[in-house]
N, C-alpha and C. Protein backbone atom coordinates (compact mmCIF):
# COMPACT_ATOMS: atom_id res chain seq x y z
N MET A 1 0.83 -1.21 0.00
CA MET A 1 0.01 -0.01 0.01
C MET A 1 0.86 1.26 0.00
N GLY A 2 1.85 1.27 0.92
CA GLY A 2 2.77 2.42 0.94
C GLY A 2 3.58 2.53 -0.33
N ALA A 3 3.96 1.36 -0.88
CA ALA A 3 4.72 1.35 -2.12
C ALA A 3 3.89 1.91 -3.27
N LEU A 4 2.60 1.56 -3.32
CA LEU A 4 1.75 2.05 -4.38
C LEU A 4 1.63 3.58 -4.29
N ILE A 5 1.50 4.09 -3.08
CA ILE A 5 1.39 5.55 -2.90
C ILE A 5 2.69 6.23 -3.32
N THR A 6 3.83 5.66 -2.93
CA THR A 6 5.11 6.24 -3.27
C THR A 6 5.34 6.23 -4.79
N TYR A 7 5.10 5.06 -5.40
CA TYR A 7 5.26 4.96 -6.86
C TYR A 7 4.24 5.86 -7.56
N GLY A 8 3.06 5.97 -7.00
CA GLY A 8 2.03 6.81 -7.61
C GLY A 8 2.43 8.26 -7.66
N SER A 9 3.25 8.69 -6.69
CA SER A 9 3.69 10.09 -6.67
C SER A 9 4.67 10.37 -7.80
N TYR A 10 5.25 9.35 -8.43
CA TYR A 10 6.18 9.52 -9.53
C TYR A 10 5.50 9.48 -10.89
N ILE A 11 4.18 9.24 -10.93
CA ILE A 11 3.48 9.14 -12.19
C ILE A 11 3.46 10.51 -12.88
N ARG A 12 3.66 10.50 -14.19
CA ARG A 12 3.63 11.75 -14.96
C ARG A 12 2.25 12.37 -14.98
N ASN A 13 2.19 13.65 -15.12
CA ASN A 13 0.90 14.36 -15.10
C ASN A 13 0.00 14.00 -16.27
N ASP A 14 0.56 13.51 -17.37
CA ASP A 14 -0.27 13.17 -18.51
C ASP A 14 -0.72 11.70 -18.49
N THR A 15 -0.43 10.98 -17.40
CA THR A 15 -0.84 9.58 -17.26
C THR A 15 -2.25 9.52 -16.68
N PRO A 16 -3.19 8.79 -17.34
CA PRO A 16 -4.53 8.69 -16.80
C PRO A 16 -4.55 7.93 -15.50
N LEU A 17 -4.75 8.63 -14.41
CA LEU A 17 -4.62 8.04 -13.08
C LEU A 17 -5.70 7.01 -12.80
N LEU A 18 -6.93 7.29 -13.21
CA LEU A 18 -8.02 6.37 -12.94
C LEU A 18 -7.83 5.06 -13.71
N GLY A 19 -7.46 5.16 -14.98
CA GLY A 19 -7.24 3.97 -15.77
C GLY A 19 -6.09 3.12 -15.25
N THR A 20 -5.02 3.79 -14.81
CA THR A 20 -3.86 3.07 -14.25
C THR A 20 -4.25 2.35 -12.97
N ALA A 21 -5.04 3.01 -12.12
CA ALA A 21 -5.47 2.41 -10.88
C ALA A 21 -6.31 1.15 -11.12
N VAL A 22 -7.19 1.26 -12.10
CA VAL A 22 -8.05 0.09 -12.44
C VAL A 22 -7.21 -1.05 -12.95
N GLN A 23 -6.22 -0.76 -13.80
CA GLN A 23 -5.38 -1.81 -14.36
C GLN A 23 -4.56 -2.50 -13.27
N VAL A 24 -3.97 -1.72 -12.36
CA VAL A 24 -3.15 -2.29 -11.29
C VAL A 24 -4.01 -3.14 -10.36
N ALA A 25 -5.13 -2.59 -9.91
CA ALA A 25 -6.02 -3.31 -9.00
C ALA A 25 -6.57 -4.56 -9.66
N GLY A 26 -6.96 -4.46 -10.92
CA GLY A 26 -7.49 -5.61 -11.62
C GLY A 26 -6.47 -6.72 -11.80
N ALA A 27 -5.27 -6.36 -12.22
CA ALA A 27 -4.21 -7.37 -12.41
C ALA A 27 -3.85 -8.03 -11.10
N ASP A 28 -3.72 -7.24 -10.04
CA ASP A 28 -3.36 -7.78 -8.73
C ASP A 28 -4.43 -8.76 -8.22
N THR A 29 -5.71 -8.38 -8.37
CA THR A 29 -6.79 -9.25 -7.93
C THR A 29 -6.86 -10.51 -8.76
N LEU A 30 -6.67 -10.41 -10.07
CA LEU A 30 -6.73 -11.57 -10.95
C LEU A 30 -5.63 -12.56 -10.61
N ILE A 31 -4.43 -12.07 -10.38
CA ILE A 31 -3.31 -12.95 -10.03
C ILE A 31 -3.56 -13.64 -8.70
N ALA A 32 -4.11 -12.92 -7.71
CA ALA A 32 -4.42 -13.50 -6.40
C ALA A 32 -5.45 -14.60 -6.52
N VAL A 33 -6.50 -14.35 -7.31
CA VAL A 33 -7.55 -15.36 -7.49
C VAL A 33 -7.00 -16.60 -8.20
N LEU A 34 -6.23 -16.40 -9.26
CA LEU A 34 -5.66 -17.51 -9.99
C LEU A 34 -4.72 -18.34 -9.09
N SER A 35 -3.96 -17.65 -8.24
CA SER A 35 -3.07 -18.36 -7.32
C SER A 35 -3.86 -19.24 -6.36
N GLY A 36 -4.96 -18.66 -5.84
CA GLY A 36 -5.79 -19.45 -4.93
C GLY A 36 -6.44 -20.62 -5.62
N VAL A 37 -6.89 -20.43 -6.87
CA VAL A 37 -7.53 -21.50 -7.62
C VAL A 37 -6.54 -22.62 -7.90
N MET A 38 -5.28 -22.29 -8.12
CA MET A 38 -4.30 -23.31 -8.41
C MET A 38 -3.80 -24.01 -7.14
N ILE A 39 -3.58 -23.27 -6.07
CA ILE A 39 -2.91 -23.83 -4.91
C ILE A 39 -3.85 -24.59 -3.99
N PHE A 40 -5.01 -24.00 -3.63
CA PHE A 40 -5.84 -24.60 -2.61
C PHE A 40 -6.50 -25.92 -3.04
N PRO A 41 -6.97 -26.09 -4.28
CA PRO A 41 -7.46 -27.43 -4.65
C PRO A 41 -6.36 -28.49 -4.55
N ALA A 42 -5.14 -28.13 -4.90
CA ALA A 42 -4.05 -29.07 -4.79
C ALA A 42 -3.79 -29.46 -3.34
N LEU A 43 -3.88 -28.48 -2.45
CA LEU A 43 -3.69 -28.77 -1.03
C LEU A 43 -4.77 -29.70 -0.52
N MET A 44 -6.01 -29.43 -0.93
CA MET A 44 -7.11 -30.28 -0.48
C MET A 44 -6.96 -31.72 -1.02
N ALA A 45 -6.53 -31.84 -2.28
CA ALA A 45 -6.40 -33.17 -2.89
C ALA A 45 -5.32 -33.99 -2.21
N LEU A 46 -4.29 -33.34 -1.72
CA LEU A 46 -3.18 -34.04 -1.07
C LEU A 46 -3.34 -34.11 0.43
N GLY A 47 -4.47 -33.59 0.94
CA GLY A 47 -4.73 -33.63 2.37
C GLY A 47 -3.84 -32.73 3.20
N GLN A 48 -3.35 -31.63 2.61
CA GLN A 48 -2.51 -30.68 3.32
C GLN A 48 -3.33 -29.60 3.99
N ASP A 49 -2.72 -28.95 4.97
CA ASP A 49 -3.43 -27.92 5.72
C ASP A 49 -3.37 -26.60 4.96
N PRO A 50 -4.54 -26.04 4.52
CA PRO A 50 -4.52 -24.76 3.79
C PRO A 50 -4.09 -23.59 4.65
N ALA A 51 -4.13 -23.74 5.98
CA ALA A 51 -3.74 -22.65 6.88
C ALA A 51 -2.30 -22.75 7.30
N GLY A 52 -1.47 -23.31 6.45
CA GLY A 52 -0.07 -23.56 6.79
C GLY A 52 0.79 -22.33 6.88
N GLY A 53 0.30 -21.20 6.36
CA GLY A 53 1.07 -19.94 6.42
C GLY A 53 2.33 -20.04 5.57
N PRO A 54 3.46 -19.53 6.10
CA PRO A 54 4.71 -19.56 5.35
C PRO A 54 5.12 -20.98 4.95
N GLY A 55 4.67 -21.96 5.74
CA GLY A 55 5.01 -23.34 5.43
C GLY A 55 4.47 -23.82 4.10
N LEU A 56 3.42 -23.16 3.59
CA LEU A 56 2.87 -23.50 2.28
C LEU A 56 3.93 -23.38 1.19
N VAL A 57 4.77 -22.37 1.32
CA VAL A 57 5.78 -22.12 0.29
C VAL A 57 6.97 -23.05 0.42
N PHE A 58 7.47 -23.23 1.64
CA PHE A 58 8.73 -23.91 1.84
C PHE A 58 8.60 -25.38 2.25
N ILE A 59 7.38 -25.80 2.61
CA ILE A 59 7.21 -27.19 3.06
C ILE A 59 6.16 -27.89 2.21
N THR A 60 4.95 -27.32 2.17
CA THR A 60 3.85 -27.98 1.49
C THR A 60 4.00 -27.97 -0.03
N LEU A 61 4.31 -26.81 -0.61
CA LEU A 61 4.41 -26.72 -2.07
C LEU A 61 5.52 -27.62 -2.64
N PRO A 62 6.70 -27.70 -2.04
CA PRO A 62 7.68 -28.66 -2.56
C PRO A 62 7.15 -30.09 -2.57
N GLY A 63 6.35 -30.45 -1.56
CA GLY A 63 5.74 -31.77 -1.54
C GLY A 63 4.78 -31.97 -2.70
N ILE A 64 4.05 -30.91 -3.03
CA ILE A 64 3.11 -30.97 -4.17
C ILE A 64 3.87 -31.11 -5.49
N PHE A 65 4.98 -30.36 -5.60
CA PHE A 65 5.76 -30.46 -6.84
C PHE A 65 6.35 -31.86 -7.03
N GLN A 66 6.72 -32.52 -5.93
CA GLN A 66 7.30 -33.85 -6.03
C GLN A 66 6.29 -34.86 -6.56
N SER A 67 5.03 -34.63 -6.33
CA SER A 67 3.99 -35.58 -6.77
C SER A 67 3.51 -35.28 -8.18
N MET A 68 4.05 -34.24 -8.82
CA MET A 68 3.63 -33.86 -10.16
C MET A 68 4.62 -34.39 -11.22
N PRO A 69 4.12 -34.75 -12.40
CA PRO A 69 5.06 -35.08 -13.49
C PRO A 69 5.86 -33.83 -13.86
N GLY A 70 7.16 -33.95 -13.90
CA GLY A 70 8.02 -32.81 -14.21
C GLY A 70 8.02 -31.78 -13.08
N GLY A 71 7.67 -32.21 -11.88
CA GLY A 71 7.53 -31.30 -10.76
C GLY A 71 8.83 -30.60 -10.40
N GLN A 72 9.96 -31.26 -10.61
CA GLN A 72 11.23 -30.66 -10.26
C GLN A 72 11.50 -29.42 -11.10
N ILE A 73 11.13 -29.48 -12.36
CA ILE A 73 11.29 -28.30 -13.26
C ILE A 73 10.39 -27.18 -12.81
N PHE A 74 9.12 -27.51 -12.52
CA PHE A 74 8.19 -26.48 -12.06
C PHE A 74 8.62 -25.89 -10.73
N ALA A 75 9.21 -26.73 -9.87
CA ALA A 75 9.66 -26.23 -8.56
C ALA A 75 10.79 -25.23 -8.73
N ILE A 76 11.73 -25.53 -9.63
CA ILE A 76 12.85 -24.62 -9.90
C ILE A 76 12.31 -23.28 -10.43
N LEU A 77 11.42 -23.37 -11.41
CA LEU A 77 10.86 -22.16 -12.01
C LEU A 77 10.07 -21.37 -10.96
N PHE A 78 9.34 -22.08 -10.13
CA PHE A 78 8.50 -21.40 -9.12
C PHE A 78 9.38 -20.61 -8.13
N PHE A 79 10.42 -21.25 -7.64
CA PHE A 79 11.24 -20.58 -6.62
C PHE A 79 12.11 -19.48 -7.23
N ILE A 80 12.46 -19.61 -8.50
CA ILE A 80 13.15 -18.50 -9.15
C ILE A 80 12.22 -17.28 -9.25
N LEU A 81 10.98 -17.53 -9.65
CA LEU A 81 10.00 -16.45 -9.73
C LEU A 81 9.70 -15.88 -8.36
N LEU A 82 9.67 -16.76 -7.34
CA LEU A 82 9.42 -16.30 -5.98
C LEU A 82 10.56 -15.39 -5.51
N ALA A 83 11.81 -15.75 -5.86
CA ALA A 83 12.93 -14.90 -5.48
C ALA A 83 12.87 -13.56 -6.16
N VAL A 84 12.46 -13.54 -7.43
CA VAL A 84 12.33 -12.28 -8.16
C VAL A 84 11.23 -11.43 -7.54
N ALA A 85 10.10 -12.07 -7.20
CA ALA A 85 9.00 -11.35 -6.58
C ALA A 85 9.42 -10.77 -5.21
N ALA A 86 10.18 -11.56 -4.47
CA ALA A 86 10.65 -11.07 -3.14
C ALA A 86 11.59 -9.89 -3.29
N LEU A 87 12.48 -9.97 -4.30
CA LEU A 87 13.44 -8.89 -4.52
C LEU A 87 12.73 -7.60 -4.95
N THR A 88 11.80 -7.70 -5.89
CA THR A 88 11.10 -6.51 -6.34
C THR A 88 10.22 -5.92 -5.21
N SER A 89 9.64 -6.80 -4.41
CA SER A 89 8.83 -6.31 -3.29
C SER A 89 9.72 -5.60 -2.27
N THR A 90 10.91 -6.15 -2.04
CA THR A 90 11.84 -5.50 -1.11
C THR A 90 12.25 -4.12 -1.59
N ILE A 91 12.48 -4.01 -2.89
CA ILE A 91 12.87 -2.71 -3.48
C ILE A 91 11.73 -1.71 -3.30
N SER A 92 10.49 -2.15 -3.54
CA SER A 92 9.35 -1.23 -3.41
C SER A 92 9.13 -0.79 -1.98
N VAL A 93 9.34 -1.73 -1.03
CA VAL A 93 9.21 -1.37 0.39
C VAL A 93 10.31 -0.39 0.79
N LEU A 94 11.53 -0.66 0.33
CA LEU A 94 12.64 0.22 0.68
C LEU A 94 12.46 1.62 0.10
N GLU A 95 11.84 1.72 -1.07
CA GLU A 95 11.61 3.02 -1.70
C GLU A 95 10.72 3.91 -0.82
N VAL A 96 9.77 3.31 -0.11
CA VAL A 96 8.91 4.09 0.78
C VAL A 96 9.75 4.73 1.88
N VAL A 97 10.63 3.96 2.48
CA VAL A 97 11.48 4.47 3.56
C VAL A 97 12.45 5.53 3.02
N VAL A 98 13.03 5.27 1.87
CA VAL A 98 14.01 6.19 1.30
C VAL A 98 13.33 7.52 0.95
N ALA A 99 12.16 7.46 0.30
CA ALA A 99 11.46 8.68 -0.07
C ALA A 99 11.07 9.49 1.15
N TYR A 100 10.64 8.81 2.21
CA TYR A 100 10.26 9.52 3.43
C TYR A 100 11.46 10.23 4.06
N MET A 101 12.58 9.53 4.17
CA MET A 101 13.75 10.13 4.81
C MET A 101 14.29 11.28 3.97
N LYS A 102 14.23 11.15 2.64
CA LYS A 102 14.71 12.23 1.77
C LYS A 102 13.88 13.50 1.96
N GLU A 103 12.58 13.34 2.01
CA GLU A 103 11.69 14.50 2.06
C GLU A 103 11.58 15.09 3.48
N GLU A 104 11.59 14.24 4.49
CA GLU A 104 11.39 14.74 5.85
C GLU A 104 12.69 15.16 6.53
N PHE A 105 13.78 14.50 6.23
CA PHE A 105 15.05 14.78 6.92
C PHE A 105 16.09 15.40 5.99
N ASN A 106 15.73 15.57 4.70
CA ASN A 106 16.61 16.26 3.74
C ASN A 106 18.00 15.66 3.68
N ILE A 107 18.06 14.32 3.54
CA ILE A 107 19.34 13.64 3.42
C ILE A 107 19.44 13.05 2.01
N SER A 108 20.65 12.72 1.61
CA SER A 108 20.87 12.22 0.24
C SER A 108 20.20 10.86 0.06
N ARG A 109 19.95 10.53 -1.21
CA ARG A 109 19.33 9.25 -1.51
C ARG A 109 20.21 8.08 -1.13
N LYS A 110 21.51 8.19 -1.36
CA LYS A 110 22.44 7.11 -1.00
C LYS A 110 22.44 6.85 0.49
N LYS A 111 22.48 7.93 1.28
CA LYS A 111 22.50 7.76 2.74
C LYS A 111 21.17 7.19 3.22
N ALA A 112 20.06 7.67 2.66
CA ALA A 112 18.75 7.16 3.07
C ALA A 112 18.63 5.70 2.70
N THR A 113 19.15 5.30 1.54
CA THR A 113 19.08 3.90 1.12
C THR A 113 19.91 3.01 2.04
N ALA A 114 21.11 3.50 2.42
CA ALA A 114 21.96 2.71 3.33
C ALA A 114 21.29 2.55 4.69
N ILE A 115 20.74 3.63 5.24
CA ILE A 115 20.09 3.54 6.55
C ILE A 115 18.89 2.61 6.50
N GLY A 116 18.08 2.77 5.48
CA GLY A 116 16.89 1.93 5.35
C GLY A 116 17.23 0.48 5.13
N ALA A 117 18.19 0.18 4.26
CA ALA A 117 18.56 -1.20 3.95
C ALA A 117 19.13 -1.88 5.18
N ILE A 118 19.98 -1.19 5.91
CA ILE A 118 20.60 -1.79 7.12
C ILE A 118 19.51 -2.05 8.18
N SER A 119 18.65 -1.07 8.39
CA SER A 119 17.60 -1.24 9.41
C SER A 119 16.66 -2.39 9.07
N ILE A 120 16.22 -2.45 7.81
CA ILE A 120 15.31 -3.53 7.38
C ILE A 120 16.00 -4.87 7.45
N SER A 121 17.30 -4.92 7.09
CA SER A 121 18.05 -6.18 7.13
C SER A 121 18.16 -6.71 8.57
N ILE A 122 18.40 -5.82 9.50
CA ILE A 122 18.52 -6.24 10.91
C ILE A 122 17.19 -6.84 11.40
N ILE A 123 16.10 -6.14 11.10
CA ILE A 123 14.79 -6.66 11.51
C ILE A 123 14.50 -7.99 10.81
N GLY A 124 14.87 -8.08 9.53
CA GLY A 124 14.63 -9.33 8.80
C GLY A 124 15.44 -10.48 9.35
N VAL A 125 16.67 -10.24 9.74
CA VAL A 125 17.50 -11.31 10.31
C VAL A 125 16.91 -11.78 11.63
N ILE A 126 16.46 -10.84 12.45
CA ILE A 126 15.85 -11.23 13.74
C ILE A 126 14.60 -12.08 13.50
N CYS A 127 13.79 -11.70 12.54
CA CYS A 127 12.59 -12.48 12.23
C CYS A 127 12.96 -13.87 11.70
N THR A 128 13.99 -13.95 10.89
CA THR A 128 14.43 -15.25 10.35
C THR A 128 14.93 -16.16 11.43
N LEU A 129 15.61 -15.61 12.42
CA LEU A 129 16.14 -16.41 13.52
C LEU A 129 15.04 -17.01 14.39
N SER A 130 13.80 -16.50 14.25
CA SER A 130 12.72 -17.07 15.04
C SER A 130 12.36 -18.49 14.57
N PHE A 131 12.85 -18.90 13.39
CA PHE A 131 12.68 -20.27 12.95
C PHE A 131 13.82 -21.17 13.43
N GLY A 132 14.81 -20.57 14.11
CA GLY A 132 15.92 -21.35 14.59
C GLY A 132 16.29 -21.01 16.03
N PRO A 133 17.43 -20.31 16.22
CA PRO A 133 17.89 -20.05 17.60
C PRO A 133 16.91 -19.27 18.45
N LEU A 134 16.10 -18.40 17.85
CA LEU A 134 15.17 -17.60 18.65
C LEU A 134 13.72 -18.13 18.63
N LYS A 135 13.58 -19.40 18.33
CA LYS A 135 12.23 -19.95 18.24
C LYS A 135 11.49 -20.00 19.58
N ASP A 136 12.26 -20.02 20.66
CA ASP A 136 11.65 -20.04 21.99
C ASP A 136 11.45 -18.65 22.58
N PHE A 137 11.98 -17.63 21.89
CA PHE A 137 11.81 -16.26 22.35
C PHE A 137 10.48 -15.73 21.82
N LYS A 138 9.54 -15.44 22.72
CA LYS A 138 8.21 -15.03 22.30
C LYS A 138 7.75 -13.78 23.02
N ILE A 139 6.99 -12.99 22.30
CA ILE A 139 6.38 -11.77 22.84
C ILE A 139 4.88 -11.89 22.67
N PHE A 140 4.13 -11.81 23.76
CA PHE A 140 2.68 -12.03 23.72
C PHE A 140 2.35 -13.40 23.11
N GLY A 141 3.20 -14.39 23.39
CA GLY A 141 2.97 -15.72 22.88
C GLY A 141 3.30 -15.94 21.44
N LEU A 142 3.93 -14.96 20.78
CA LEU A 142 4.28 -15.06 19.37
C LEU A 142 5.79 -14.91 19.19
N THR A 143 6.34 -15.64 18.20
CA THR A 143 7.72 -15.44 17.86
C THR A 143 7.88 -14.09 17.17
N THR A 144 9.11 -13.67 17.01
CA THR A 144 9.34 -12.36 16.39
C THR A 144 8.76 -12.31 14.97
N PHE A 145 8.89 -13.42 14.22
CA PHE A 145 8.33 -13.46 12.88
C PHE A 145 6.81 -13.37 12.92
N ASP A 146 6.19 -14.16 13.76
CA ASP A 146 4.71 -14.14 13.84
C ASP A 146 4.22 -12.81 14.34
N LEU A 147 4.95 -12.18 15.27
CA LEU A 147 4.55 -10.86 15.77
C LEU A 147 4.62 -9.82 14.69
N MET A 148 5.71 -9.78 13.95
CA MET A 148 5.86 -8.81 12.87
C MET A 148 4.81 -9.08 11.78
N ASN A 149 4.57 -10.34 11.49
CA ASN A 149 3.56 -10.67 10.47
C ASN A 149 2.17 -10.24 10.91
N TYR A 150 1.87 -10.42 12.19
CA TYR A 150 0.56 -10.04 12.69
C TYR A 150 0.41 -8.51 12.67
N ILE A 151 1.41 -7.81 13.12
CA ILE A 151 1.34 -6.36 13.17
C ILE A 151 1.22 -5.76 11.76
N SER A 152 2.01 -6.26 10.82
CA SER A 152 1.98 -5.72 9.46
C SER A 152 0.70 -6.05 8.74
N ALA A 153 0.23 -7.33 8.85
CA ALA A 153 -0.94 -7.78 8.10
C ALA A 153 -2.25 -7.31 8.72
N ASN A 154 -2.32 -7.33 10.06
CA ASN A 154 -3.60 -7.07 10.71
C ASN A 154 -3.76 -5.66 11.27
N ILE A 155 -2.64 -4.96 11.48
CA ILE A 155 -2.74 -3.62 12.07
C ILE A 155 -2.33 -2.55 11.03
N PHE A 156 -1.10 -2.67 10.54
CA PHE A 156 -0.62 -1.63 9.62
C PHE A 156 -1.47 -1.57 8.34
N LEU A 157 -1.77 -2.72 7.75
CA LEU A 157 -2.54 -2.72 6.51
C LEU A 157 -3.94 -2.21 6.68
N THR A 158 -4.65 -2.74 7.69
CA THR A 158 -6.04 -2.34 7.88
C THR A 158 -6.18 -0.89 8.34
N PHE A 159 -5.46 -0.54 9.39
CA PHE A 159 -5.59 0.81 9.91
C PHE A 159 -4.90 1.85 9.01
N GLY A 160 -3.85 1.43 8.33
CA GLY A 160 -3.24 2.32 7.36
C GLY A 160 -4.21 2.66 6.22
N ALA A 161 -4.89 1.62 5.72
CA ALA A 161 -5.88 1.83 4.67
C ALA A 161 -7.04 2.68 5.18
N LEU A 162 -7.45 2.46 6.43
CA LEU A 162 -8.56 3.21 7.02
C LEU A 162 -8.21 4.68 7.13
N PHE A 163 -7.03 4.97 7.61
CA PHE A 163 -6.60 6.38 7.76
C PHE A 163 -6.45 7.07 6.38
N ILE A 164 -6.02 6.29 5.38
CA ILE A 164 -5.84 6.87 4.05
C ILE A 164 -7.18 7.28 3.44
N VAL A 165 -8.19 6.37 3.53
CA VAL A 165 -9.48 6.73 2.91
C VAL A 165 -10.17 7.86 3.71
N ILE A 166 -9.96 7.88 5.03
CA ILE A 166 -10.55 8.96 5.83
C ILE A 166 -9.90 10.29 5.46
N TYR A 167 -8.59 10.28 5.34
CA TYR A 167 -7.90 11.51 4.95
C TYR A 167 -8.29 11.95 3.54
N THR A 168 -8.32 10.99 2.61
CA THR A 168 -8.68 11.32 1.24
C THR A 168 -10.11 11.84 1.13
N GLY A 169 -11.03 11.20 1.82
CA GLY A 169 -12.43 11.57 1.69
C GLY A 169 -12.83 12.81 2.48
N TRP A 170 -12.21 13.04 3.61
CA TRP A 170 -12.69 14.10 4.51
C TRP A 170 -11.69 15.25 4.73
N LYS A 171 -10.42 15.00 4.53
CA LYS A 171 -9.42 16.01 4.82
C LYS A 171 -8.83 16.63 3.56
N LEU A 172 -8.56 15.81 2.55
CA LEU A 172 -7.93 16.31 1.34
C LEU A 172 -8.78 17.32 0.60
N GLY A 173 -10.09 17.16 0.66
CA GLY A 173 -10.97 18.08 -0.04
C GLY A 173 -11.40 17.53 -1.38
N LYS A 174 -12.69 17.67 -1.69
CA LYS A 174 -13.20 17.08 -2.92
C LYS A 174 -12.54 17.69 -4.15
N SER A 175 -12.30 19.00 -4.16
CA SER A 175 -11.73 19.63 -5.35
C SER A 175 -10.31 19.10 -5.61
N ASN A 176 -9.49 18.97 -4.58
CA ASN A 176 -8.16 18.42 -4.76
C ASN A 176 -8.20 16.97 -5.22
N PHE A 177 -9.11 16.21 -4.62
CA PHE A 177 -9.23 14.81 -5.00
C PHE A 177 -9.68 14.66 -6.44
N VAL A 178 -10.63 15.45 -6.84
CA VAL A 178 -11.16 15.40 -8.21
C VAL A 178 -10.07 15.83 -9.22
N ASP A 179 -9.29 16.84 -8.86
CA ASP A 179 -8.18 17.27 -9.72
C ASP A 179 -7.20 16.12 -9.98
N GLU A 180 -6.88 15.38 -8.92
CA GLU A 180 -5.98 14.25 -9.07
C GLU A 180 -6.62 13.14 -9.87
N LEU A 181 -7.91 12.93 -9.64
CA LEU A 181 -8.64 11.87 -10.31
C LEU A 181 -8.72 12.10 -11.81
N LYS A 182 -8.87 13.37 -12.21
CA LYS A 182 -8.99 13.72 -13.64
C LYS A 182 -7.65 13.87 -14.31
N GLN A 183 -6.57 13.63 -13.59
CA GLN A 183 -5.24 13.78 -14.15
C GLN A 183 -5.04 12.85 -15.33
N GLY A 184 -4.60 13.40 -16.44
CA GLY A 184 -4.28 12.61 -17.62
C GLY A 184 -5.46 12.24 -18.49
N GLY A 185 -6.64 12.71 -18.18
CA GLY A 185 -7.81 12.38 -19.01
C GLY A 185 -9.07 12.91 -18.41
N LYS A 186 -10.17 12.71 -19.13
CA LYS A 186 -11.47 13.19 -18.68
C LYS A 186 -12.23 12.09 -17.93
N VAL A 187 -12.94 12.47 -16.87
CA VAL A 187 -13.74 11.55 -16.09
C VAL A 187 -15.13 12.15 -15.96
N SER A 188 -16.14 11.36 -16.20
CA SER A 188 -17.50 11.88 -16.15
C SER A 188 -17.86 12.31 -14.74
N PRO A 189 -18.64 13.38 -14.57
CA PRO A 189 -19.04 13.87 -13.24
C PRO A 189 -19.77 12.79 -12.43
N ALA A 190 -20.60 11.97 -13.10
CA ALA A 190 -21.34 10.93 -12.40
C ALA A 190 -20.36 9.93 -11.76
N LEU A 191 -19.33 9.54 -12.54
CA LEU A 191 -18.35 8.58 -12.02
C LEU A 191 -17.56 9.19 -10.86
N VAL A 192 -17.24 10.48 -10.99
CA VAL A 192 -16.51 11.17 -9.92
C VAL A 192 -17.33 11.15 -8.63
N ASN A 193 -18.62 11.44 -8.71
CA ASN A 193 -19.48 11.43 -7.53
C ASN A 193 -19.57 10.05 -6.90
N ILE A 194 -19.62 9.02 -7.74
CA ILE A 194 -19.67 7.66 -7.22
C ILE A 194 -18.39 7.31 -6.46
N ILE A 195 -17.25 7.66 -7.06
CA ILE A 195 -15.96 7.36 -6.42
C ILE A 195 -15.81 8.12 -5.12
N VAL A 196 -16.19 9.40 -5.12
CA VAL A 196 -16.10 10.22 -3.90
C VAL A 196 -17.01 9.63 -2.81
N PHE A 197 -18.20 9.20 -3.17
CA PHE A 197 -19.12 8.60 -2.20
C PHE A 197 -18.53 7.31 -1.59
N ILE A 198 -17.95 6.49 -2.46
CA ILE A 198 -17.32 5.24 -1.96
C ILE A 198 -16.19 5.56 -1.02
N ILE A 199 -15.33 6.50 -1.41
CA ILE A 199 -14.16 6.85 -0.58
C ILE A 199 -14.60 7.41 0.79
N LYS A 200 -15.66 8.22 0.80
CA LYS A 200 -16.07 8.89 2.04
C LYS A 200 -16.88 7.98 2.96
N PHE A 201 -17.71 7.12 2.39
CA PHE A 201 -18.65 6.37 3.22
C PHE A 201 -18.46 4.86 3.17
N ILE A 202 -18.42 4.27 1.97
CA ILE A 202 -18.40 2.82 1.85
C ILE A 202 -17.05 2.24 2.30
N ALA A 203 -15.95 2.80 1.78
CA ALA A 203 -14.63 2.26 2.09
C ALA A 203 -14.29 2.31 3.58
N PRO A 204 -14.53 3.42 4.28
CA PRO A 204 -14.21 3.41 5.71
C PRO A 204 -15.01 2.36 6.50
N ILE A 205 -16.29 2.18 6.13
CA ILE A 205 -17.10 1.20 6.85
C ILE A 205 -16.59 -0.22 6.56
N ALA A 206 -16.30 -0.50 5.31
CA ALA A 206 -15.82 -1.84 4.94
C ALA A 206 -14.47 -2.14 5.58
N ILE A 207 -13.53 -1.19 5.52
CA ILE A 207 -12.21 -1.43 6.12
C ILE A 207 -12.33 -1.49 7.64
N GLY A 208 -13.19 -0.66 8.22
CA GLY A 208 -13.41 -0.72 9.67
C GLY A 208 -13.96 -2.07 10.11
N ALA A 209 -14.86 -2.64 9.29
CA ALA A 209 -15.40 -3.97 9.59
C ALA A 209 -14.31 -5.03 9.59
N VAL A 210 -13.39 -4.90 8.61
CA VAL A 210 -12.28 -5.85 8.54
C VAL A 210 -11.39 -5.71 9.78
N ALA A 211 -11.11 -4.46 10.18
CA ALA A 211 -10.26 -4.21 11.34
C ALA A 211 -10.91 -4.79 12.62
N ILE A 212 -12.21 -4.56 12.76
CA ILE A 212 -12.91 -5.10 13.94
C ILE A 212 -12.90 -6.63 13.93
N GLY A 213 -13.14 -7.21 12.76
CA GLY A 213 -13.12 -8.65 12.65
C GLY A 213 -11.75 -9.22 12.98
N THR A 214 -10.70 -8.54 12.63
CA THR A 214 -9.35 -8.99 12.90
C THR A 214 -9.10 -9.17 14.38
N PHE A 215 -9.58 -8.22 15.18
CA PHE A 215 -9.32 -8.25 16.62
C PHE A 215 -10.32 -9.07 17.39
N PHE A 216 -11.60 -8.97 17.06
CA PHE A 216 -12.63 -9.58 17.87
C PHE A 216 -12.98 -11.00 17.43
N ILE A 217 -13.15 -11.21 16.13
CA ILE A 217 -13.52 -12.55 15.64
C ILE A 217 -12.37 -13.53 15.86
N GLU A 218 -11.15 -13.13 15.52
CA GLU A 218 -10.01 -14.00 15.74
C GLU A 218 -9.79 -14.26 17.22
N GLY A 219 -10.05 -13.23 18.03
CA GLY A 219 -9.89 -13.41 19.49
C GLY A 219 -10.87 -14.42 20.07
N LEU A 220 -12.13 -14.41 19.49
CA LEU A 220 -13.13 -15.35 19.98
C LEU A 220 -12.87 -16.78 19.54
N THR A 221 -12.26 -16.91 18.35
CA THR A 221 -11.98 -18.26 17.85
C THR A 221 -10.64 -18.77 18.34
């Protein structure tokens, strides 16, 4: 989410913002759905646990590949693509930190990159060690990896998205929002009103429901 906002700030003024947003959201959703359609039926067929979390990638999926004709080739291709996806995701996450430090603290890009990369690497190493030497070290009953995963997925994502739509819908101002929305092309007034209504009313309620469900429904189960 932060990466999309940071990259979005680099878009040229003549780029149709609405069309780009639709393409990115559509492609991301399509890939997620296709991944689920491919992976979960295979897990069910082999009697594996769909709630395996990170183990799905490093434990369960290799087992699935072994049972497939030519599975070794597919496994190699899969993990190469996974490494590329992890690298590009890391770069996008780092860009958020670098852009923030450049703008807020007025430091050079090289220095901001070094500080961000070192800090993220240290946190990453600590999380990785929770699968080994630090597996017995727990905070609130969670290992460092599980704690970071819970905070990022259930708190930062949901509440970050909630604050963004509230700011966009109620603080940014309709005129400023519409100016950005019409960037790079024409947008019908009816569509603008629909989008503004969704941002101001529908999105906060929907994201708030997800946030409440994260804390209360999971706590009850």
